[in-house]
Protein backbone atom coordinates (compact mmCIF):
# COMPACT_ATOMS: atom_id res chain seq x y z
CA MET A 1 1.13 -3.00 -22.70
CA GLY A 2 3.22 -2.06 -19.65
CA LYS A 3 5.48 -4.28 -17.64
CA ALA A 4 3.65 -6.48 -15.13
CA LYS A 5 4.11 -5.40 -11.53
CA SER A 6 5.87 -7.73 -9.14
CA LEU A 7 4.11 -8.94 -6.00
CA LYS A 8 6.35 -6.66 -3.91
CA ASP A 9 5.40 -3.65 -6.05
CA LYS A 10 1.71 -4.47 -5.67
CA LEU A 11 2.04 -4.92 -1.91
CA TYR A 12 4.01 -1.69 -1.59
CA GLY A 13 1.40 0.30 -3.49
CA ALA A 14 -1.52 -1.11 -1.50
CA ALA A 15 0.37 -0.66 1.78
CA VAL A 16 1.17 2.99 1.04
CA LEU A 17 -2.46 3.65 0.12
CA LYS A 18 -3.72 2.00 3.30
CA MET A 19 -1.11 3.75 5.47
CA SER A 20 -1.97 7.15 3.99
CA PHE A 21 -5.56 6.70 5.18
CA ARG A 22 -4.42 5.19 8.50
CA LEU A 23 -2.13 8.11 9.31
CA ARG A 24 -5.07 10.50 8.85
CA GLY A 25 -7.40 8.28 10.88
CA ASP A 26 -9.59 7.77 7.81
CA GLU A 27 -9.77 3.97 7.53
CA GLU A 28 -13.49 4.14 8.32
CA SER A 29 -14.16 6.83 5.71
CA PRO A 30 -16.40 6.09 2.74
CA ALA A 31 -13.50 6.94 0.41
CA PHE A 32 -11.25 4.28 1.95
CA LYS A 33 -14.02 1.71 2.09
CA PHE A 34 -14.71 2.30 -1.61
CA VAL A 35 -11.15 2.59 -2.95
CA TYR A 36 -9.17 0.04 -0.94
CA PRO A 37 -11.25 -3.08 -1.69
CA GLY A 38 -11.09 -2.20 -5.39
CA VAL A 39 -7.31 -1.88 -5.22
CA LEU A 40 -7.07 -5.27 -3.51
CA ARG A 41 -9.30 -6.80 -6.18
CA ASP A 42 -7.46 -5.19 -9.09
CA LEU A 43 -4.03 -6.17 -7.73
CA GLU A 44 -5.27 -9.63 -6.68
CA LEU A 45 -4.12 -9.13 -3.08
CA GLU A 46 -5.50 -10.05 0.32
CA ASP A 47 -5.66 -7.49 3.11
CA ALA A 48 -3.72 -9.85 5.42
CA ALA A 49 -0.77 -9.82 2.99
CA VAL A 50 -0.84 -6.01 2.88
CA GLU A 51 -0.85 -5.88 6.69
CA ARG A 52 2.14 -8.27 6.85
CA TYR A 53 3.95 -6.06 4.35
CA ILE A 54 3.24 -2.99 6.50
CA VAL A 55 4.59 -4.75 9.60
CA ASP A 56 7.74 -5.89 7.77
CA ASN A 57 8.38 -2.54 6.02
CA ARG A 58 6.74 0.01 8.32
CA GLU A 59 9.36 2.76 8.05
CA ALA A 60 9.46 2.81 4.25
CA VAL A 61 5.68 2.55 3.96
CA GLU A 62 5.07 5.39 6.42
CA ARG A 63 7.68 7.57 4.73
CA ALA A 64 6.03 7.06 1.34
CA ALA A 65 2.54 7.58 2.77
CA ARG A 66 3.70 10.91 4.21
CA GLY A 67 4.86 11.95 0.75
CA ALA A 68 8.60 11.31 0.96
CA SER A 69 10.23 9.68 -2.04
CA PRO A 70 11.23 6.04 -1.56
CA ALA A 71 14.91 5.19 -1.62
CA PRO A 72 16.15 4.09 -5.04
CA GLY A 73 16.55 0.39 -5.66
CA PRO A 74 14.39 -2.66 -5.14
CA ARG A 75 11.73 -2.64 -2.45
CA THR A 76 11.87 -5.26 0.23
């Protein structure tokens, strides 16, 4: 069994997913509406927490959502 993900890792992953749809203007798409709630459920996250993470880490989240590699080291 793999190492459990930290809360920050979970938030980062969900935020990047959401931002990737947001940047394309696809938050109302059936794909987003199907995938995102399942991700929240599986990671045991609330959308409000993901939104707060996006606000607090917008630059890094947008960079990752656009396909750029995150900087090495812990995520904030």
